[in-house]
Amino acid sequence: MSSTPKLRLDWASSEAARFACKRWHYTGTVPVALVKIGIWEDDKFAGVILFGPGAGTSTSGIRYGLRERYDMAELVRVAMAPWHKTPVSRCIAIATRMLCKQSPNLRMLISFADTKQGHHGGIYQACGWTYLGQTDGNPVFIIHGKQRHNKTITKIHEGSRLKWLHTFVDPNAKKVRLPVKHRYVLPLDEEMRQAILPLAQPYPKRVEESHALQAS
């Protein structure tokens, strides 16, 4: 009997996405997702891959010569059961094809690997995504226990100073700096591939590999 499971990817419900994110992702959170793709192995639900607008300006295309909106999407979550057998990179590749068929005007995808968790983006490297270096670790506000980016606070509350927030919004509001993350992109057409090529940087290594190199 073959150990390779029968793989199927299909559109997933919000309930399925919530279940997978809550149960199988280390954050236990459910991001805003406009496209939800489920993964089944031998007809058993094995996880989800979610695409969405991302947080803050993560999907703004301006820095890449694109429109501020609509040209980019973020791969916001991969949440798979620990017992899955199919390589994550294969699932992402299939999900990307599904997304592009549904949204043919997309020019590029972006995603991030959390350095705070020791992630270096191995799944994106396996998928052939382009590495563009680390994020800046921008400051954000924590208001009523939820993270809000500076741009969002300015738009909603007509101000972003901590003192103003303490007085009019949340006396316990605080400003923190996000940990840096590794930034990966996947150009979806030849023009974008050529535009991104000069920005490409060498793939980062696993933390264990980096320590081994320093010790040798």
C-alpha atoms as a PDB file:
ATOM      1  CA  MET A   1       0.000   0.000   0.000  1.00  0.00           C
ATOM      2  CA  SER A   2       1.410   3.379  -1.035  1.00  0.00           C
ATOM      3  CA  SER A   3       2.318   5.802   1.754  1.00  0.00           C
ATOM      4  CA  THR A   4       1.650   8.773  -0.518  1.00  0.00           C
ATOM      5  CA  PRO A   5      -1.788  10.172   0.308  1.00  0.00           C
ATOM      6  CA  LYS A   6      -4.325  11.277  -2.259  1.00  0.00           C
ATOM      7  CA  LEU A   7      -4.069  15.056  -2.219  1.00  0.00           C
ATOM      8  CA  ARG A   8      -6.914  17.478  -2.903  1.00  0.00           C
ATOM      9  CA  LEU A   9      -7.010  21.250  -2.589  1.00  0.00           C
ATOM     10  CA  ASP A  10     -10.326  23.069  -2.795  1.00  0.00           C
ATOM     11  CA  TRP A  11     -12.011  26.229  -1.553  1.00  0.00           C
ATOM     12  CA  ALA A  12     -12.512  26.171   2.205  1.00  0.00           C
ATOM     13  CA  SER A  13     -15.133  27.706   4.449  1.00  0.00           C
ATOM     14  CA  SER A  14     -14.426  30.332   7.097  1.00  0.00           C
ATOM     15  CA  GLU A  15     -15.214  27.700   9.726  1.00  0.00           C
ATOM     16  CA  ALA A  16     -12.608  25.318   8.303  1.00  0.00           C
ATOM     17  CA  ALA A  17     -10.016  28.102   8.165  1.00  0.00           C
ATOM     18  CA  ARG A  18     -10.719  29.062  11.768  1.00  0.00           C
ATOM     19  CA  PHE A  19     -10.457  25.445  12.912  1.00  0.00           C
ATOM     20  CA  ALA A  20      -7.084  24.919  11.216  1.00  0.00           C
ATOM     21  CA  CYS A  21      -5.590  28.227  12.394  1.00  0.00           C
ATOM     22  CA  LYS A  22      -6.744  27.781  15.978  1.00  0.00           C
ATOM     23  CA  ARG A  23      -5.635  24.166  16.193  1.00  0.00           C
ATOM     24  CA  TRP A  24      -2.547  23.897  14.000  1.00  0.00           C
ATOM     25  CA  HIS A  25      -0.843  27.298  13.771  1.00  0.00           C
ATOM     26  CA  TYR A  26       1.572  28.405  16.472  1.00  0.00           C
ATOM     27  CA  THR A  27      -0.102  31.824  16.825  1.00  0.00           C
ATOM     28  CA  GLY A  28      -3.599  30.399  17.298  1.00  0.00           C
ATOM     29  CA  THR A  29      -4.939  33.450  15.454  1.00  0.00           C
ATOM     30  CA  VAL A  30      -7.064  33.812  12.319  1.00  0.00           C
ATOM     31  CA  PRO A  31      -5.903  36.573   9.945  1.00  0.00           C
ATOM     32  CA  VAL A  32      -8.127  38.451   7.525  1.00  0.00           C
ATOM     33  CA  ALA A  33      -8.264  36.272   4.420  1.00  0.00           C
ATOM     34  CA  LEU A  34     -10.085  36.866   1.153  1.00  0.00           C
ATOM     35  CA  VAL A  35      -9.109  33.515  -0.344  1.00  0.00           C
ATOM     36  CA  LYS A  36      -9.268  30.327   1.726  1.00  0.00           C
ATOM     37  CA  ILE A  37      -7.952  27.092   0.254  1.00  0.00           C
ATOM     38  CA  GLY A  38      -8.360  23.815   2.113  1.00  0.00           C
ATOM     39  CA  ILE A  39      -6.084  20.779   1.995  1.00  0.00           C
ATOM     40  CA  TRP A  40      -7.309  17.185   2.178  1.00  0.00           C
ATOM     41  CA  GLU A  41      -5.220  14.026   2.307  1.00  0.00           C
ATOM     42  CA  ASP A  42      -7.120  10.800   1.578  1.00  0.00           C
ATOM     43  CA  ASP A  43     -10.309  12.872   2.021  1.00  0.00           C
ATOM     44  CA  LYS A  44      -9.266  13.882   5.557  1.00  0.00           C
ATOM     45  CA  PHE A  45      -9.055  17.605   6.270  1.00  0.00           C
ATOM     46  CA  ALA A  46      -5.369  18.482   6.737  1.00  0.00           C
ATOM     47  CA  GLY A  47      -5.171  22.265   6.798  1.00  0.00           C
ATOM     48  CA  VAL A  48      -5.573  25.566   4.996  1.00  0.00           C
ATOM     49  CA  ILE A  49      -3.609  28.109   3.014  1.00  0.00           C
ATOM     50  CA  LEU A  50      -4.950  31.644   3.256  1.00  0.00           C
ATOM     51  CA  PHE A  51      -4.344  34.706   1.090  1.00  0.00           C
ATOM     52  CA  GLY A  52      -5.390  38.218   2.054  1.00  0.00           C
ATOM     53  CA  PRO A  53      -4.608  41.936   2.089  1.00  0.00           C
ATOM     54  CA  GLY A  54      -2.055  41.607   4.888  1.00  0.00           C
ATOM     55  CA  ALA A  55      -1.457  44.037   7.723  1.00  0.00           C
ATOM     56  CA  GLY A  56      -0.480  47.667   7.368  1.00  0.00           C
ATOM     57  CA  THR A  57       1.157  48.360   4.016  1.00  0.00           C
ATOM     58  CA  SER A  58       2.506  44.844   3.436  1.00  0.00           C
ATOM     59  CA  THR A  59       0.661  44.491   0.120  1.00  0.00           C
ATOM     60  CA  SER A  60       1.149  48.049  -1.095  1.00  0.00           C
ATOM     61  CA  GLY A  61       2.715  47.751  -4.532  1.00  0.00           C
ATOM     62  CA  ILE A  62       4.123  51.275  -4.610  1.00  0.00           C
ATOM     63  CA  ARG A  63       7.673  50.301  -3.637  1.00  0.00           C
ATOM     64  CA  TYR A  64       7.672  47.745  -6.466  1.00  0.00           C
ATOM     65  CA  GLY A  65       6.299  50.029  -9.163  1.00  0.00           C
ATOM     66  CA  LEU A  66       2.754  48.713  -8.818  1.00  0.00           C
ATOM     67  CA  ARG A  67      -0.526  50.183  -7.662  1.00  0.00           C
ATOM     68  CA  GLU A  68      -1.028  50.713  -3.954  1.00  0.00           C
ATOM     69  CA  ARG A  69      -3.856  48.154  -3.979  1.00  0.00           C
ATOM     70  CA  TYR A  70      -5.087  45.215  -6.050  1.00  0.00           C
ATOM     71  CA  ASP A  71      -1.760  44.147  -7.624  1.00  0.00           C
ATOM     72  CA  MET A  72      -0.416  42.234  -4.623  1.00  0.00           C
ATOM     73  CA  ALA A  73      -1.717  39.739  -2.078  1.00  0.00           C
ATOM     74  CA  GLU A  74      -0.112  38.234   1.003  1.00  0.00           C
ATOM     75  CA  LEU A  75       0.101  34.568   1.834  1.00  0.00           C
ATOM     76  CA  VAL A  76      -1.120  35.227   5.366  1.00  0.00           C
ATOM     77  CA  ARG A  77      -1.314  31.722   6.796  1.00  0.00           C
ATOM     78  CA  VAL A  78      -0.272  28.119   6.244  1.00  0.00           C
ATOM     79  CA  ALA A  79      -1.864  25.956   8.935  1.00  0.00           C
ATOM     80  CA  MET A  80      -1.476  22.215   8.447  1.00  0.00           C
ATOM     81  CA  ALA A  81      -2.025  19.246  10.721  1.00  0.00           C
ATOM     82  CA  PRO A  82       1.205  17.863  12.230  1.00  0.00           C
ATOM     83  CA  TRP A  83       0.464  14.473  10.669  1.00  0.00           C
ATOM     84  CA  HIS A  84       0.309  15.736   7.046  1.00  0.00           C
ATOM     85  CA  LYS A  85       2.521  13.896   4.572  1.00  0.00           C
ATOM     86  CA  THR A  86       2.419  16.164   1.523  1.00  0.00           C
ATOM     87  CA  PRO A  87       5.300  18.680   1.374  1.00  0.00           C
ATOM     88  CA  VAL A  88       4.117  22.157   2.311  1.00  0.00           C
ATOM     89  CA  SER A  89       5.864  23.565  -0.759  1.00  0.00           C
ATOM     90  CA  ARG A  90       3.707  21.422  -3.045  1.00  0.00           C
ATOM     91  CA  CYS A  91       0.525  22.605  -1.357  1.00  0.00           C
ATOM     92  CA  ILE A  92       1.598  26.253  -1.655  1.00  0.00           C
ATOM     93  CA  ALA A  93       2.401  25.797  -5.351  1.00  0.00           C
ATOM     94  CA  ILE A  94      -1.044  24.319  -6.064  1.00  0.00           C
ATOM     95  CA  ALA A  95      -2.800  26.960  -3.961  1.00  0.00           C
ATOM     96  CA  THR A  96      -0.920  29.702  -5.821  1.00  0.00           C
ATOM     97  CA  ARG A  97      -2.107  28.343  -9.162  1.00  0.00           C
ATOM     98  CA  MET A  98      -5.676  28.307  -7.866  1.00  0.00           C
ATOM     99  CA  LEU A  99      -5.348  31.883  -6.651  1.00  0.00           C
ATOM    100  CA  CYS A 100      -3.915  33.099  -9.962  1.00  0.00           C
ATOM    101  CA  LYS A 101      -6.709  31.423 -11.907  1.00  0.00           C
ATOM    102  CA  GLN A 102      -9.283  33.109  -9.693  1.00  0.00           C
ATOM    103  CA  SER A 103      -7.493  36.495  -9.678  1.00  0.00           C
ATOM    104  CA  PRO A 104      -5.588  36.737 -12.989  1.00  0.00           C
ATOM    105  CA  ASN A 105      -4.698  40.416 -12.500  1.00  0.00           C
ATOM    106  CA  LEU A 106      -2.448  39.781  -9.499  1.00  0.00           C
ATOM    107  CA  ARG A 107       1.169  40.669 -10.208  1.00  0.00           C
ATOM    108  CA  MET A 108       2.980  39.424  -7.107  1.00  0.00           C
ATOM    109  CA  LEU A 109       2.601  37.595  -3.799  1.00  0.00           C
ATOM    110  CA  ILE A 110       4.390  38.408  -0.575  1.00  0.00           C
ATOM    111  CA  SER A 111       4.869  36.571   2.707  1.00  0.00           C
ATOM    112  CA  PHE A 112       6.939  36.813   5.853  1.00  0.00           C
ATOM    113  CA  ALA A 113       8.892  34.442   8.104  1.00  0.00           C
ATOM    114  CA  ASP A 114       8.889  35.290  11.797  1.00  0.00           C
ATOM    115  CA  THR A 115      12.458  35.575  13.117  1.00  0.00           C
ATOM    116  CA  LYS A 116      11.108  35.739  16.681  1.00  0.00           C
ATOM    117  CA  GLN A 117       9.993  32.130  16.238  1.00  0.00           C
ATOM    118  CA  GLY A 118      13.309  31.137  14.674  1.00  0.00           C
ATOM    119  CA  HIS A 119      11.769  30.829  11.204  1.00  0.00           C
ATOM    120  CA  HIS A 120      13.943  31.520   8.183  1.00  0.00           C
ATOM    121  CA  GLY A 121      11.439  30.908   5.383  1.00  0.00           C
ATOM    122  CA  GLY A 122      12.422  27.412   4.330  1.00  0.00           C
ATOM    123  CA  ILE A 123       9.032  26.716   2.724  1.00  0.00           C
ATOM    124  CA  TYR A 124       9.329  29.822   0.541  1.00  0.00           C
ATOM    125  CA  GLN A 125      12.848  28.864  -0.454  1.00  0.00           C
ATOM    126  CA  ALA A 126      11.578  25.411  -1.439  1.00  0.00           C
ATOM    127  CA  CYS A 127       8.915  27.106  -3.582  1.00  0.00           C
ATOM    128  CA  GLY A 128      11.484  29.305  -5.332  1.00  0.00           C
ATOM    129  CA  TRP A 129      10.268  32.615  -3.900  1.00  0.00           C
ATOM    130  CA  THR A 130      12.628  35.606  -4.002  1.00  0.00           C
ATOM    131  CA  TYR A 131      14.142  36.853  -0.749  1.00  0.00           C
ATOM    132  CA  LEU A 132      14.144  40.635  -0.278  1.00  0.00           C
ATOM    133  CA  GLY A 133      15.759  40.902   3.153  1.00  0.00           C
ATOM    134  CA  GLN A 134      14.323  41.728   6.557  1.00  0.00           C
ATOM    135  CA  THR A 135      11.586  44.145   7.504  1.00  0.00           C
ATOM    136  CA  ASP A 136      12.361  47.217   9.577  1.00  0.00           C
ATOM    137  CA  GLY A 137      10.539  46.144  12.743  1.00  0.00           C
ATOM    138  CA  ASN A 138       8.168  49.107  12.582  1.00  0.00           C
ATOM    139  CA  PRO A 139       6.386  50.408  15.704  1.00  0.00           C
ATOM    140  CA  VAL A 140       2.701  49.549  16.288  1.00  0.00           C
ATOM    141  CA  PHE A 141       0.141  50.394  18.953  1.00  0.00           C
ATOM    142  CA  ILE A 142      -1.600  47.930  21.239  1.00  0.00           C
ATOM    143  CA  ILE A 143      -5.120  49.250  21.877  1.00  0.00           C
ATOM    144  CA  HIS A 144      -7.703  47.322  23.880  1.00  0.00           C
ATOM    145  CA  GLY A 145      -5.416  44.302  23.566  1.00  0.00           C
ATOM    146  CA  LYS A 146      -5.287  44.425  19.765  1.00  0.00           C
ATOM    147  CA  GLN A 147      -2.431  45.414  17.493  1.00  0.00           C
ATOM    148  CA  ARG A 148      -2.991  48.487  15.345  1.00  0.00           C
ATOM    149  CA  HIS A 149      -0.561  49.952  12.830  1.00  0.00           C
ATOM    150  CA  ASN A 150       0.256  53.643  12.934  1.00  0.00           C
ATOM    151  CA  LYS A 151      -1.519  54.296   9.626  1.00  0.00           C
ATOM    152  CA  THR A 152      -4.681  52.613  10.877  1.00  0.00           C
ATOM    153  CA  ILE A 153      -4.661  54.571  14.132  1.00  0.00           C
ATOM    154  CA  THR A 154      -4.246  57.847  12.262  1.00  0.00           C
ATOM    155  CA  LYS A 155      -7.172  57.019  10.003  1.00  0.00           C
ATOM    156  CA  ILE A 156      -9.521  55.823  12.755  1.00  0.00           C
ATOM    157  CA  HIS A 157      -8.626  58.094  15.662  1.00  0.00           C
ATOM    158  CA  GLU A 158      -7.314  61.163  13.781  1.00  0.00           C
ATOM    159  CA  GLY A 159      -4.082  61.018  15.719  1.00  0.00           C
ATOM    160  CA  SER A 160      -1.347  58.643  16.730  1.00  0.00           C
ATOM    161  CA  ARG A 161       0.375  60.113  19.771  1.00  0.00           C
ATOM    162  CA  LEU A 162       0.363  57.829  22.768  1.00  0.00           C
ATOM    163  CA  LYS A 163      -0.771  60.581  25.122  1.00  0.00           C
ATOM    164  CA  TRP A 164      -3.783  61.292  22.906  1.00  0.00           C
ATOM    165  CA  LEU A 165      -4.665  57.594  22.836  1.00  0.00           C
ATOM    166  CA  HIS A 166      -4.384  57.371  26.622  1.00  0.00           C
ATOM    167  CA  THR A 167      -6.732  60.330  27.037  1.00  0.00           C
ATOM    168  CA  PHE A 168      -9.392  59.589  24.442  1.00  0.00           C
ATOM    169  CA  VAL A 169      -9.177  55.908  23.460  1.00  0.00           C
ATOM    170  CA  ASP A 170      -7.498  53.472  25.846  1.00  0.00           C
ATOM    171  CA  PRO A 171      -5.644  54.466  29.050  1.00  0.00           C
ATOM    172  CA  ASN A 172      -3.633  51.254  28.758  1.00  0.00           C
ATOM    173  CA  ALA A 173      -2.578  51.733  25.140  1.00  0.00           C
ATOM    174  CA  LYS A 174       1.094  51.166  24.461  1.00  0.00           C
ATOM    175  CA  LYS A 175       3.544  51.462  21.619  1.00  0.00           C
ATOM    176  CA  VAL A 176       5.795  48.522  20.785  1.00  0.00           C
ATOM    177  CA  ARG A 177       8.216  47.682  18.021  1.00  0.00           C
ATOM    178  CA  LEU A 178       7.521  44.622  15.920  1.00  0.00           C
ATOM    179  CA  PRO A 179      10.250  41.976  15.619  1.00  0.00           C
ATOM    180  CA  VAL A 180      11.949  41.904  12.241  1.00  0.00           C
ATOM    181  CA  LYS A 181      10.751  39.334   9.728  1.00  0.00           C
ATOM    182  CA  HIS A 182      12.192  37.817   6.576  1.00  0.00           C
ATOM    183  CA  ARG A 183      10.416  39.121   3.466  1.00  0.00           C
ATOM    184  CA  TYR A 184       9.759  36.832   0.482  1.00  0.00           C
ATOM    185  CA  VAL A 185       7.970  37.620  -2.775  1.00  0.00           C
ATOM    186  CA  LEU A 186       6.760  35.598  -5.741  1.00  0.00           C
ATOM    187  CA  PRO A 187       6.485  37.572  -9.007  1.00  0.00           C
ATOM    188  CA  LEU A 188       3.610  36.221 -11.106  1.00  0.00           C
ATOM    189  CA  ASP A 189       4.668  37.415 -14.569  1.00  0.00           C
ATOM    190  CA  GLU A 190       7.902  37.900 -16.474  1.00  0.00           C
ATOM    191  CA  GLU A 191       7.855  41.692 -16.191  1.00  0.00           C
ATOM    192  CA  MET A 192       7.666  41.485 -12.411  1.00  0.00           C
ATOM    193  CA  ARG A 193      10.364  38.798 -12.293  1.00  0.00           C
ATOM    194  CA  GLN A 194      12.731  41.129 -14.138  1.00  0.00           C
ATOM    195  CA  ALA A 195      11.788  44.063 -11.913  1.00  0.00           C
ATOM    196  CA  ILE A 196      12.423  42.111  -8.697  1.00  0.00           C
ATOM    197  CA  LEU A 197      15.615  40.389  -9.824  1.00  0.00           C
ATOM    198  CA  PRO A 198      17.954  43.302  -8.889  1.00  0.00           C
ATOM    199  CA  LEU A 199      16.441  43.374  -5.386  1.00  0.00           C
ATOM    200  CA  ALA A 200      17.036  39.686  -4.654  1.00  0.00           C
ATOM    201  CA  GLN A 201      19.268  38.748  -1.723  1.00  0.00           C
ATOM    202  CA  PRO A 202      20.829  35.398  -0.731  1.00  0.00           C
ATOM    203  CA  TYR A 203      18.501  33.106   1.191  1.00  0.00           C
ATOM    204  CA  PRO A 204      18.966  33.239   4.977  1.00  0.00           C
ATOM    205  CA  LYS A 205      20.040  30.021   6.670  1.00  0.00           C
ATOM    206  CA  ARG A 206      18.401  28.223   9.551  1.00  0.00           C
ATOM    207  CA  VAL A 207      19.395  29.560  12.950  1.00  0.00           C
ATOM    208  CA  GLU A 208      21.138  26.267  13.748  1.00  0.00           C
ATOM    209  CA  GLU A 209      23.104  26.443  10.488  1.00  0.00           C
ATOM    210  CA  SER A 210      24.169  30.043  11.177  1.00  0.00           C
ATOM    211  CA  HIS A 211      25.415  29.128  14.655  1.00  0.00           C
ATOM    212  CA  ALA A 212      27.322  26.156  13.264  1.00  0.00           C
ATOM    213  CA  LEU A 213      29.041  28.371  10.686  1.00  0.00           C
ATOM    214  CA  GLN A 214      30.044  30.893  13.356  1.00  0.00           C
ATOM    215  CA  ALA A 215      31.495  28.138  15.537  1.00  0.00           C
ATOM    216  CA  SER A 216      33.485  26.508  12.742  1.00  0.00           C
END
